């Protein structure tokens, strides 16, 4: 809906509805003291999502962050060179 990340609005605390907390106690042997994750994991970051989207669009996987315009252009040129060789 927004053409760039600059126009993307993140909801603030005042935009959120009232939340009722419900405490559910369970024993989880894999978490510390039975704890469970309550939010988005660090393992799924937006950088990985961007990398996947760019890689799918170009057909080239990136191994280094950040993915800059220069790296994208270089990857496109390398793919063209490899395509002309084969």
N, C-alpha and C. Protein backbone atom coordinates (compact mmCIF):
# COMPACT_ATOMS: atom_id res chain seq x y z
N UNK A 1 0.82 -1.19 0.00
CA UNK A 1 0.00 0.00 0.00
C UNK A 1 0.87 1.26 0.00
N UNK A 2 2.10 1.15 0.55
CA UNK A 2 3.00 2.30 0.53
C UNK A 2 4.17 1.98 -0.38
N UNK A 3 4.56 2.93 -1.23
CA UNK A 3 5.62 2.64 -2.19
C UNK A 3 7.01 2.52 -1.58
N UNK A 4 7.24 3.13 -0.42
CA UNK A 4 8.55 3.05 0.22
C UNK A 4 8.38 2.80 1.71
N UNK A 5 9.47 2.46 2.36
CA UNK A 5 9.45 2.26 3.81
C UNK A 5 9.28 3.59 4.55
N UNK A 6 9.58 4.71 3.89
CA UNK A 6 9.44 6.01 4.55
C UNK A 6 7.99 6.34 4.87
N UNK A 7 7.07 5.87 4.05
CA UNK A 7 5.66 6.16 4.27
C UNK A 7 4.95 5.12 5.11
N UNK A 8 5.65 4.08 5.51
CA UNK A 8 5.04 3.00 6.29
C UNK A 8 4.91 3.43 7.74
N UNK A 9 3.69 3.44 8.24
CA UNK A 9 3.45 3.86 9.62
C UNK A 9 3.33 2.64 10.52
N UNK A 10 4.03 2.69 11.62
CA UNK A 10 3.99 1.62 12.61
C UNK A 10 2.98 2.01 13.69
N UNK A 11 2.10 1.09 14.08
CA UNK A 11 1.15 1.43 15.14
C UNK A 11 1.88 1.78 16.43
N UNK A 12 1.37 2.79 17.10
CA UNK A 12 1.93 3.19 18.39
C UNK A 12 1.07 2.62 19.51
N UNK A 13 1.50 2.80 20.73
CA UNK A 13 0.76 2.29 21.88
C UNK A 13 -0.65 2.88 21.93
N UNK A 14 -0.82 4.13 21.55
CA UNK A 14 -2.15 4.74 21.60
C UNK A 14 -3.08 4.19 20.51
N UNK A 15 -2.53 3.55 19.50
CA UNK A 15 -3.33 2.96 18.42
C UNK A 15 -3.80 1.55 18.74
N UNK A 16 -3.26 0.95 19.77
CA UNK A 16 -3.56 -0.44 20.09
C UNK A 16 -4.81 -0.53 20.98
N UNK A 17 -5.58 -1.59 20.82
CA UNK A 17 -6.76 -1.77 21.69
C UNK A 17 -6.33 -2.20 23.09
N UNK A 18 -7.26 -2.10 24.03
CA UNK A 18 -6.98 -2.55 25.40
C UNK A 18 -6.75 -4.06 25.38
N UNK A 19 -5.73 -4.48 26.11
CA UNK A 19 -5.36 -5.89 26.15
C UNK A 19 -5.65 -6.44 27.54
N UNK A 20 -6.34 -7.56 27.58
CA UNK A 20 -6.58 -8.25 28.84
C UNK A 20 -5.57 -9.37 28.97
N UNK A 21 -4.80 -9.35 30.04
CA UNK A 21 -3.79 -10.39 30.26
C UNK A 21 -4.41 -11.63 30.88
N UNK A 22 -4.05 -12.76 30.36
CA UNK A 22 -4.47 -14.04 30.91
C UNK A 22 -3.20 -14.84 31.16
N UNK A 23 -2.95 -15.20 32.38
CA UNK A 23 -1.75 -15.96 32.73
C UNK A 23 -2.08 -17.44 32.66
N UNK A 24 -1.35 -18.15 31.81
CA UNK A 24 -1.51 -19.59 31.66
C UNK A 24 -0.20 -20.22 32.09
N UNK A 25 -0.23 -20.94 33.18
CA UNK A 25 0.99 -21.57 33.69
C UNK A 25 1.07 -23.01 33.19
N UNK A 26 2.16 -23.30 32.50
CA UNK A 26 2.43 -24.66 32.04
C UNK A 26 3.92 -24.92 32.21
N UNK A 27 4.28 -26.16 32.21
CA UNK A 27 5.68 -26.53 32.34
C UNK A 27 6.20 -26.86 30.95
N UNK A 28 7.22 -26.15 30.52
CA UNK A 28 7.85 -26.41 29.23
C UNK A 28 9.30 -26.80 29.51
N UNK A 29 9.65 -28.07 29.31
CA UNK A 29 11.00 -28.51 29.65
C UNK A 29 12.09 -27.91 28.77
N UNK A 30 11.72 -27.37 27.61
CA UNK A 30 12.74 -26.83 26.72
C UNK A 30 13.07 -25.36 26.99
N UNK A 31 12.20 -24.65 27.68
CA UNK A 31 12.45 -23.24 27.96
C UNK A 31 13.05 -23.06 29.34
N UNK A 32 13.78 -21.94 29.57
CA UNK A 32 14.35 -21.71 30.90
C UNK A 32 13.24 -21.47 31.92
N UNK A 33 13.20 -22.25 32.95
CA UNK A 33 12.18 -22.17 33.99
C UNK A 33 10.77 -22.31 33.42
N UNK A 34 10.62 -23.04 32.31
CA UNK A 34 9.32 -23.26 31.70
C UNK A 34 8.83 -22.09 30.86
N UNK A 35 9.68 -21.12 30.58
CA UNK A 35 9.27 -19.93 29.84
C UNK A 35 9.05 -20.24 28.37
N UNK A 36 8.16 -19.48 27.77
CA UNK A 36 7.90 -19.58 26.34
C UNK A 36 8.13 -18.21 25.72
N UNK A 37 8.41 -18.22 24.43
CA UNK A 37 8.62 -16.95 23.75
C UNK A 37 7.29 -16.21 23.63
N UNK A 38 7.32 -14.91 23.84
CA UNK A 38 6.09 -14.13 23.81
C UNK A 38 6.04 -13.17 22.63
N UNK A 39 7.10 -13.08 21.85
CA UNK A 39 7.11 -12.14 20.74
C UNK A 39 7.81 -12.72 19.54
N UNK A 40 8.04 -11.87 18.57
CA UNK A 40 8.75 -12.33 17.37
C UNK A 40 10.18 -12.67 17.71
N UNK A 41 10.63 -13.75 17.19
CA UNK A 41 11.97 -14.22 17.47
C UNK A 41 13.01 -13.41 16.70
N UNK A 42 14.20 -13.34 17.23
CA UNK A 42 15.30 -12.69 16.54
C UNK A 42 15.67 -13.48 15.29
N UNK A 43 15.33 -14.76 15.28
CA UNK A 43 15.67 -15.61 14.15
C UNK A 43 14.93 -15.20 12.88
N UNK A 44 13.80 -14.53 12.98
CA UNK A 44 13.05 -14.09 11.80
C UNK A 44 13.09 -12.57 11.75
N UNK A 45 14.04 -12.04 11.05
CA UNK A 45 14.17 -10.59 10.97
C UNK A 45 13.75 -10.09 9.60
N UNK A 46 13.53 -8.80 9.53
CA UNK A 46 13.13 -8.22 8.25
C UNK A 46 14.27 -8.32 7.23
N UNK A 47 15.52 -8.30 7.68
CA UNK A 47 16.65 -8.42 6.75
C UNK A 47 16.59 -9.75 6.01
N UNK A 48 16.23 -10.81 6.70
CA UNK A 48 16.11 -12.11 6.05
C UNK A 48 14.96 -12.12 5.05
N UNK A 49 13.87 -11.46 5.38
CA UNK A 49 12.73 -11.39 4.47
C UNK A 49 13.09 -10.60 3.22
N UNK A 50 13.79 -9.47 3.39
CA UNK A 50 14.23 -8.68 2.24
C UNK A 50 15.19 -9.50 1.38
N UNK A 51 16.11 -10.19 2.01
CA UNK A 51 17.08 -11.00 1.28
C UNK A 51 16.37 -12.07 0.46
N UNK A 52 15.39 -12.73 1.05
CA UNK A 52 14.64 -13.75 0.34
C UNK A 52 13.87 -13.17 -0.85
N UNK A 53 13.26 -12.01 -0.66
CA UNK A 53 12.49 -11.38 -1.73
C UNK A 53 13.39 -10.96 -2.88
N UNK A 54 14.53 -10.35 -2.56
CA UNK A 54 15.46 -9.90 -3.59
C UNK A 54 16.05 -11.11 -4.32
N UNK A 55 16.40 -12.14 -3.56
CA UNK A 55 16.97 -13.35 -4.17
C UNK A 55 15.98 -14.02 -5.10
N UNK A 56 14.70 -14.09 -4.69
CA UNK A 56 13.68 -14.68 -5.55
C UNK A 56 13.48 -13.86 -6.81
N UNK A 57 13.54 -12.54 -6.69
CA UNK A 57 13.32 -11.66 -7.85
C UNK A 57 14.48 -11.76 -8.84
N UNK A 58 15.70 -11.85 -8.34
CA UNK A 58 16.88 -11.83 -9.21
C UNK A 58 17.38 -13.22 -9.58
N UNK A 59 17.05 -14.21 -8.77
CA UNK A 59 17.59 -15.54 -8.99
C UNK A 59 19.03 -15.66 -8.52
N UNK A 60 19.44 -14.76 -7.63
CA UNK A 60 20.81 -14.75 -7.08
C UNK A 60 20.69 -14.66 -5.57
N UNK A 61 21.40 -15.54 -4.85
CA UNK A 61 21.36 -15.51 -3.39
C UNK A 61 22.48 -14.62 -2.86
N UNK A 62 22.16 -13.78 -1.88
CA UNK A 62 23.14 -12.90 -1.26
C UNK A 62 23.60 -13.50 0.06
N UNK A 63 24.91 -13.44 0.29
CA UNK A 63 25.48 -14.01 1.50
C UNK A 63 25.94 -12.95 2.49
N UNK A 64 25.94 -11.69 2.08
CA UNK A 64 26.44 -10.61 2.93
C UNK A 64 25.36 -9.55 3.16
N UNK A 65 25.30 -9.08 4.38
CA UNK A 65 24.43 -7.95 4.72
C UNK A 65 25.29 -6.72 4.95
N UNK A 66 24.83 -5.53 4.72
CA UNK A 66 23.53 -5.21 4.14
C UNK A 66 23.55 -5.39 2.63
N UNK A 67 22.37 -5.60 2.08
CA UNK A 67 22.25 -5.72 0.62
C UNK A 67 22.07 -4.30 0.09
N UNK A 68 23.10 -3.80 -0.53
CA UNK A 68 23.09 -2.43 -1.03
C UNK A 68 22.78 -2.42 -2.53
N UNK A 69 22.39 -1.25 -3.06
CA UNK A 69 22.16 -1.18 -4.51
C UNK A 69 23.37 -1.62 -5.33
N UNK A 70 24.57 -1.29 -4.86
CA UNK A 70 25.78 -1.70 -5.58
C UNK A 70 25.89 -3.22 -5.64
N UNK A 71 25.60 -3.90 -4.53
CA UNK A 71 25.67 -5.36 -4.51
C UNK A 71 24.62 -5.97 -5.44
N UNK A 72 23.45 -5.34 -5.49
CA UNK A 72 22.40 -5.84 -6.38
C UNK A 72 22.82 -5.69 -7.84
N UNK A 73 23.36 -4.53 -8.18
CA UNK A 73 23.82 -4.31 -9.56
C UNK A 73 24.94 -5.27 -9.93
N UNK A 74 25.88 -5.48 -9.01
CA UNK A 74 26.97 -6.43 -9.26
C UNK A 74 26.44 -7.84 -9.47
N UNK A 75 25.44 -8.23 -8.68
CA UNK A 75 24.87 -9.57 -8.81
C UNK A 75 24.18 -9.73 -10.16
N UNK A 76 23.49 -8.67 -10.61
CA UNK A 76 22.82 -8.72 -11.91
C UNK A 76 23.86 -8.86 -13.03
N UNK A 77 24.94 -8.10 -12.93
CA UNK A 77 26.00 -8.17 -13.95
C UNK A 77 26.66 -9.54 -13.96
N UNK A 78 26.94 -10.11 -12.77
CA UNK A 78 27.54 -11.44 -12.69
C UNK A 78 26.61 -12.49 -13.30
N UNK A 79 25.32 -12.36 -13.03
CA UNK A 79 24.38 -13.32 -13.59
C UNK A 79 24.34 -13.23 -15.11
N UNK A 80 24.41 -12.01 -15.64
CA UNK A 80 24.44 -11.83 -17.09
C UNK A 80 25.69 -12.46 -17.69
N UNK A 81 26.84 -12.27 -17.01
CA UNK A 81 28.10 -12.86 -17.50
C UNK A 81 28.03 -14.38 -17.51
N UNK A 82 27.49 -14.96 -16.44
CA UNK A 82 27.38 -16.41 -16.37
C UNK A 82 26.38 -16.95 -17.39
N UNK A 83 25.34 -16.17 -17.67
CA UNK A 83 24.34 -16.58 -18.65
C UNK A 83 24.90 -16.58 -20.07
N UNK A 84 25.80 -15.62 -20.36
CA UNK A 84 26.37 -15.54 -21.70
C UNK A 84 27.44 -16.61 -21.93
N UNK A 85 28.04 -17.11 -20.83
CA UNK A 85 29.06 -18.16 -20.95
C UNK A 85 28.43 -19.51 -21.24
N UNK A 86 27.22 -19.73 -20.64
CA UNK A 86 26.63 -21.06 -20.74
C UNK A 86 25.74 -21.27 -21.86
